[in-house]
N, C-alpha and C. Protein backbone atom coordinates (compact mmCIF):
# COMPACT_ATOMS: atom_id res chain seq x y z
N MET A 1 -16.15 14.28 13.25
CA MET A 1 -15.44 12.74 13.64
C MET A 1 -14.55 12.37 12.52
N ILE A 2 -13.13 12.06 12.88
CA ILE A 2 -12.06 11.74 11.99
C ILE A 2 -12.26 10.20 11.71
N PRO A 3 -12.48 9.78 10.53
CA PRO A 3 -12.30 8.34 10.40
C PRO A 3 -10.86 7.80 10.71
N SER A 4 -10.97 6.71 11.48
CA SER A 4 -9.72 6.04 12.15
C SER A 4 -8.82 5.44 10.76
N ASN A 5 -9.46 4.69 9.75
CA ASN A 5 -8.77 4.45 8.72
C ASN A 5 -8.39 5.11 7.85
N LEU A 6 -8.62 6.30 7.58
CA LEU A 6 -8.68 7.23 6.45
C LEU A 6 -7.63 8.50 7.18
N VAL A 7 -6.26 8.58 6.86
CA VAL A 7 -5.38 9.35 7.71
C VAL A 7 -4.97 10.76 6.69
N PHE A 8 -5.27 10.49 5.68
CA PHE A 8 -4.63 11.38 4.54
C PHE A 8 -5.54 12.07 3.53
N PRO A 9 -5.64 13.30 3.29
CA PRO A 9 -6.64 13.97 2.29
C PRO A 9 -6.27 13.71 0.96
N LEU A 10 -7.08 13.76 0.31
CA LEU A 10 -7.01 13.54 -1.13
C LEU A 10 -7.60 14.93 -1.62
N CYS A 11 -6.67 15.53 -2.40
CA CYS A 11 -7.09 17.00 -3.10
C CYS A 11 -7.56 16.71 -4.64
N ARG A 12 -8.72 17.30 -4.97
CA ARG A 12 -8.99 17.31 -6.45
C ARG A 12 -9.39 18.79 -6.87
N ASN A 13 -9.35 18.80 -8.18
CA ASN A 13 -9.70 20.04 -8.72
C ASN A 13 -8.32 20.92 -8.80
N LEU A 14 -7.46 20.64 -8.67
CA LEU A 14 -5.99 21.21 -8.72
C LEU A 14 -5.72 21.78 -10.15
N PRO A 15 -5.09 23.16 -10.01
CA PRO A 15 -4.50 23.58 -11.58
C PRO A 15 -3.66 22.39 -11.85
N TYR A 16 -3.67 22.02 -13.24
CA TYR A 16 -2.63 21.10 -13.66
C TYR A 16 -1.30 21.32 -13.60
N LYS A 17 -0.92 22.86 -13.68
CA LYS A 17 0.14 23.28 -13.71
C LYS A 17 0.85 23.60 -12.40
N ILE A 18 0.31 23.50 -11.52
CA ILE A 18 0.57 23.95 -9.92
C ILE A 18 1.87 22.94 -9.50
N SER A 19 2.70 23.62 -8.99
CA SER A 19 3.89 22.99 -8.58
C SER A 19 3.81 22.22 -7.14
N ALA A 20 4.71 21.29 -6.70
CA ALA A 20 5.00 20.90 -5.40
C ALA A 20 5.07 21.52 -4.20
N ASP A 21 6.10 22.70 -4.74
CA ASP A 21 6.29 23.80 -3.70
C ASP A 21 5.04 24.51 -3.24
N GLU A 22 4.07 24.74 -4.37
CA GLU A 22 3.02 25.61 -4.14
C GLU A 22 2.10 24.65 -3.24
N LEU A 23 2.01 23.29 -3.43
CA LEU A 23 1.31 22.40 -2.68
C LEU A 23 1.58 22.51 -1.23
N TYR A 24 2.96 22.32 -1.10
CA TYR A 24 3.57 22.52 0.29
C TYR A 24 3.23 23.87 1.00
N ASP A 25 3.13 24.81 0.17
CA ASP A 25 3.04 26.29 0.67
C ASP A 25 1.56 26.18 1.10
N ILE A 26 0.60 25.90 0.56
CA ILE A 26 -1.10 25.65 0.77
C ILE A 26 -1.34 24.77 1.89
N PHE A 27 -0.68 23.70 1.72
CA PHE A 27 -1.11 22.52 2.82
C PHE A 27 -0.45 22.83 4.07
N GLY A 28 0.93 23.22 4.06
CA GLY A 28 1.91 23.27 5.07
C GLY A 28 1.40 24.11 6.33
N LYS A 29 0.43 25.27 5.66
CA LYS A 29 0.02 26.10 7.05
C LYS A 29 -1.03 25.43 7.93
N TYR A 30 -1.33 24.09 7.49
CA TYR A 30 -2.34 23.62 8.57
C TYR A 30 -1.43 22.31 9.26
N GLY A 31 -0.24 22.39 9.10
CA GLY A 31 0.37 21.20 10.17
C GLY A 31 1.71 20.95 9.31
N THR A 32 2.36 20.11 9.88
CA THR A 32 3.70 19.37 9.03
C THR A 32 3.23 18.62 8.05
N VAL A 33 3.69 18.78 6.92
CA VAL A 33 3.45 17.87 5.75
C VAL A 33 4.68 17.06 5.56
N ARG A 34 4.40 15.64 5.70
CA ARG A 34 5.48 14.50 5.37
C ARG A 34 5.51 14.45 3.84
N GLN A 35 4.51 13.99 3.05
CA GLN A 35 4.70 13.99 1.78
C GLN A 35 3.46 14.57 1.02
N ILE A 36 3.81 15.02 -0.43
CA ILE A 36 2.45 15.28 -1.04
C ILE A 36 3.04 14.49 -2.48
N ARG A 37 1.98 13.65 -2.96
CA ARG A 37 1.88 12.84 -4.01
C ARG A 37 1.13 13.42 -5.37
N LYS A 38 1.67 14.12 -6.27
CA LYS A 38 0.83 14.73 -7.23
C LYS A 38 0.83 13.85 -8.36
N GLY A 39 -0.43 13.98 -8.83
CA GLY A 39 -0.90 12.93 -10.03
C GLY A 39 -0.26 13.78 -11.38
N ASN A 40 0.41 12.88 -12.15
CA ASN A 40 0.98 13.38 -13.24
C ASN A 40 0.43 12.46 -14.57
N ALA A 41 -0.15 11.38 -14.14
CA ALA A 41 -0.76 10.55 -15.64
C ALA A 41 -2.03 11.07 -15.90
N GLU A 42 -2.24 10.90 -16.95
CA GLU A 42 -3.67 11.16 -17.75
C GLU A 42 -4.94 11.32 -16.60
N GLY A 43 -5.12 10.06 -16.09
CA GLY A 43 -6.30 10.04 -15.23
C GLY A 43 -6.17 10.53 -13.85
N THR A 44 -4.98 11.09 -13.67
CA THR A 44 -4.68 11.58 -11.97
C THR A 44 -4.27 13.10 -12.01
N LYS A 45 -4.19 13.71 -13.35
CA LYS A 45 -3.61 15.12 -13.45
C LYS A 45 -4.75 15.96 -12.56
N GLY A 46 -4.45 16.96 -11.57
CA GLY A 46 -5.31 17.55 -11.10
C GLY A 46 -5.57 17.02 -9.62
N THR A 47 -5.03 16.29 -9.16
CA THR A 47 -5.18 15.57 -7.95
C THR A 47 -3.77 15.51 -6.93
N SER A 48 -3.94 15.36 -5.89
CA SER A 48 -3.03 14.72 -4.98
C SER A 48 -3.41 14.27 -3.48
N PHE A 49 -2.19 13.55 -3.20
CA PHE A 49 -2.46 12.96 -1.81
C PHE A 49 -1.59 13.82 -0.83
N VAL A 50 -1.97 14.10 0.41
CA VAL A 50 -1.09 14.81 1.15
C VAL A 50 -0.97 14.13 2.63
N VAL A 51 0.17 13.69 2.85
CA VAL A 51 0.47 12.87 4.14
C VAL A 51 0.75 13.95 4.96
N TYR A 52 -0.04 14.06 6.38
CA TYR A 52 0.56 14.86 7.52
C TYR A 52 1.05 13.99 8.48
N ASP A 53 1.82 14.40 9.39
CA ASP A 53 2.48 13.93 10.65
C ASP A 53 1.13 13.29 11.43
N ASP A 54 0.41 14.24 11.82
CA ASP A 54 -0.62 14.41 12.81
C ASP A 54 -2.17 14.33 11.83
N ILE A 55 -3.03 13.53 12.26
CA ILE A 55 -4.29 13.02 11.89
C ILE A 55 -5.10 14.48 12.00
N TYR A 56 -4.75 15.20 13.25
CA TYR A 56 -5.65 16.39 13.36
C TYR A 56 -5.03 17.44 12.52
N ASP A 57 -3.72 17.61 12.09
CA ASP A 57 -3.59 18.60 11.17
C ASP A 57 -4.08 18.27 9.74
N ALA A 58 -4.39 17.08 9.31
CA ALA A 58 -5.11 16.49 8.02
C ALA A 58 -6.55 17.09 8.44
N LYS A 59 -7.21 16.76 9.37
CA LYS A 59 -8.56 17.26 9.48
C LYS A 59 -8.67 18.79 9.38
N ASN A 60 -7.71 19.54 10.00
CA ASN A 60 -7.72 20.90 9.98
C ASN A 60 -7.33 21.47 8.66
N ALA A 61 -6.53 20.87 7.69
CA ALA A 61 -6.44 21.32 6.28
C ALA A 61 -7.84 20.79 5.67
N LEU A 62 -8.28 19.86 5.61
CA LEU A 62 -9.69 19.35 5.29
C LEU A 62 -10.90 20.43 5.58
N ASP A 63 -10.95 20.89 6.78
CA ASP A 63 -11.77 21.81 7.05
C ASP A 63 -11.53 23.12 6.41
N HIS A 64 -10.41 23.53 6.37
CA HIS A 64 -10.01 25.01 5.70
C HIS A 64 -9.97 25.05 4.30
N LEU A 65 -9.71 23.98 3.61
CA LEU A 65 -9.19 23.88 2.01
C LEU A 65 -10.06 23.45 1.46
N SER A 66 -11.26 22.87 1.66
CA SER A 66 -12.25 22.37 0.76
C SER A 66 -13.01 23.70 0.38
N GLY A 67 -13.01 23.71 -1.00
CA GLY A 67 -13.88 25.26 -1.65
C GLY A 67 -12.72 26.25 -1.72
N PHE A 68 -11.64 26.19 -1.42
CA PHE A 68 -10.36 27.00 -1.20
C PHE A 68 -10.00 27.39 -2.51
N ASN A 69 -9.94 28.67 -3.35
CA ASN A 69 -9.98 29.06 -4.56
C ASN A 69 -8.26 29.01 -4.79
N VAL A 70 -7.83 28.33 -6.05
CA VAL A 70 -6.37 28.34 -6.21
C VAL A 70 -6.64 28.53 -7.75
N ALA A 71 -5.90 29.42 -8.26
CA ALA A 71 -5.59 29.95 -9.69
C ALA A 71 -7.19 29.69 -10.32
N GLY A 72 -7.94 30.34 -9.82
CA GLY A 72 -9.39 30.12 -10.46
C GLY A 72 -10.32 28.76 -10.16
N ARG A 73 -9.57 28.05 -9.39
CA ARG A 73 -10.25 26.63 -9.42
C ARG A 73 -10.57 26.28 -7.98
N TYR A 74 -11.75 25.80 -7.40
CA TYR A 74 -12.07 25.46 -6.27
C TYR A 74 -11.66 24.16 -5.68
N LEU A 75 -10.85 24.04 -4.50
CA LEU A 75 -10.33 22.67 -4.62
C LEU A 75 -11.58 21.76 -3.76
N VAL A 76 -11.59 20.63 -3.94
CA VAL A 76 -12.13 19.63 -3.22
C VAL A 76 -11.31 18.67 -2.46
N VAL A 77 -11.33 18.81 -1.08
CA VAL A 77 -10.42 17.96 -0.25
C VAL A 77 -11.17 17.24 0.31
N LEU A 78 -10.89 15.92 0.50
CA LEU A 78 -11.78 15.07 1.46
C LEU A 78 -10.92 13.76 1.72
N TYR A 79 -11.49 12.98 2.69
CA TYR A 79 -10.63 11.86 2.96
C TYR A 79 -10.40 10.78 2.06
N TYR A 80 -9.28 10.28 1.88
CA TYR A 80 -9.02 9.17 0.89
C TYR A 80 -9.68 7.88 1.59
N ASP A 81 -10.54 7.04 0.80
CA ASP A 81 -10.95 5.64 1.29
C ASP A 81 -10.41 4.71 0.38
N PRO A 82 -9.43 3.99 0.68
CA PRO A 82 -8.90 3.01 -0.49
C PRO A 82 -10.10 1.82 -0.74
N VAL A 83 -11.07 1.71 -0.05
CA VAL A 83 -12.04 0.61 -0.09
C VAL A 83 -13.07 1.29 -1.35
N LYS A 84 -13.52 2.48 -1.19
CA LYS A 84 -14.37 3.30 -1.99
C LYS A 84 -13.71 3.15 -3.16
N ALA A 85 -12.47 3.63 -3.28
CA ALA A 85 -11.68 3.71 -4.64
C ALA A 85 -11.52 2.39 -5.19
N GLN A 86 -11.59 1.27 -4.69
CA GLN A 86 -11.34 -0.04 -5.35
C GLN A 86 -12.77 -0.16 -5.96
N LYS A 87 -13.83 0.00 -5.04
CA LYS A 87 -15.14 -0.27 -5.82
C LYS A 87 -15.29 0.63 -6.87
N LYS A 88 -15.04 1.81 -6.87
CA LYS A 88 -15.19 2.50 -8.09
C LYS A 88 -14.67 2.09 -9.22
N LYS A 89 -13.36 1.72 -9.12
CA LYS A 89 -12.29 1.19 -10.12
C LYS A 89 -13.04 -0.06 -10.78
N GLU A 90 -13.51 -1.21 -9.98
CA GLU A 90 -14.13 -2.35 -10.04
C GLU A 90 -15.31 -2.01 -11.01
N LEU A 91 -16.46 -1.17 -10.49
CA LEU A 91 -17.39 -0.73 -11.17
C LEU A 91 -17.03 -0.05 -12.65
N GLN A 92 -16.07 0.87 -12.71
CA GLN A 92 -15.82 1.42 -14.02
C GLN A 92 -15.06 0.20 -14.97
N GLU A 93 -14.63 -0.87 -14.47
CA GLU A 93 -14.02 -1.87 -15.23
C GLU A 93 -15.37 -2.70 -15.79
N LYS A 94 -16.36 -2.68 -14.96
CA LYS A 94 -17.47 -3.68 -15.31
C LYS A 94 -18.27 -3.08 -16.31
N LEU A 95 -18.51 -1.71 -16.33
CA LEU A 95 -19.27 -1.01 -17.06
C LEU A 95 -18.52 -0.88 -18.74
N LYS A 96 -17.10 -0.89 -18.48
CA LYS A 96 -16.40 -0.76 -19.88
C LYS A 96 -16.27 -2.14 -20.49
N ASN A 97 -16.09 -3.22 -19.72
CA ASN A 97 -16.52 -4.64 -20.17
C ASN A 97 -17.98 -4.99 -20.86
N GLU A 98 -18.90 -4.26 -20.15
CA GLU A 98 -20.60 -4.39 -20.68
C GLU A 98 -20.50 -3.55 -21.99
N GLN A 99 -19.81 -2.59 -22.00
CA GLN A 99 -19.86 -1.24 -23.28
C GLN A 99 -19.12 -2.38 -24.38
N GLU A 100 -18.06 -3.06 -24.34
CA GLU A 100 -17.38 -3.61 -25.13
C GLU A 100 -18.39 -4.93 -25.70
N ALA A 101 -18.92 -5.63 -24.99
CA ALA A 101 -19.79 -6.80 -25.07
C ALA A 101 -20.95 -6.36 -25.95
N ASN A 102 -21.38 -5.19 -25.71
CA ASN A 102 -22.71 -4.69 -26.53
C ASN A 102 -22.28 -4.12 -28.04
N LYS A 103 -21.10 -4.15 -28.41
CA LYS A 103 -20.56 -3.52 -29.47
C LYS A 103 -20.73 -4.59 -30.70
């Protein structure tokens, strides 16, 4: 089942030096890619968001590319959940604040 509120895959464990064109080649095999947002900052290197025109294309990519080997790295492709991402960020901030308070 495709989550109705999660319409684009998040790809992790990408080679840091992969180009946008290479990403379009890989993900474009599964449908029309509208946009790829590749992480360039320290905390986002090796990740990208892929936006497809059709949610079924996104599911097809997710089904076929999870575990796909690119330059010796196995891709982790999953649906991006903004609520889960926000909770994770809040937890990380809380833990950081607790560590600083314990110093």
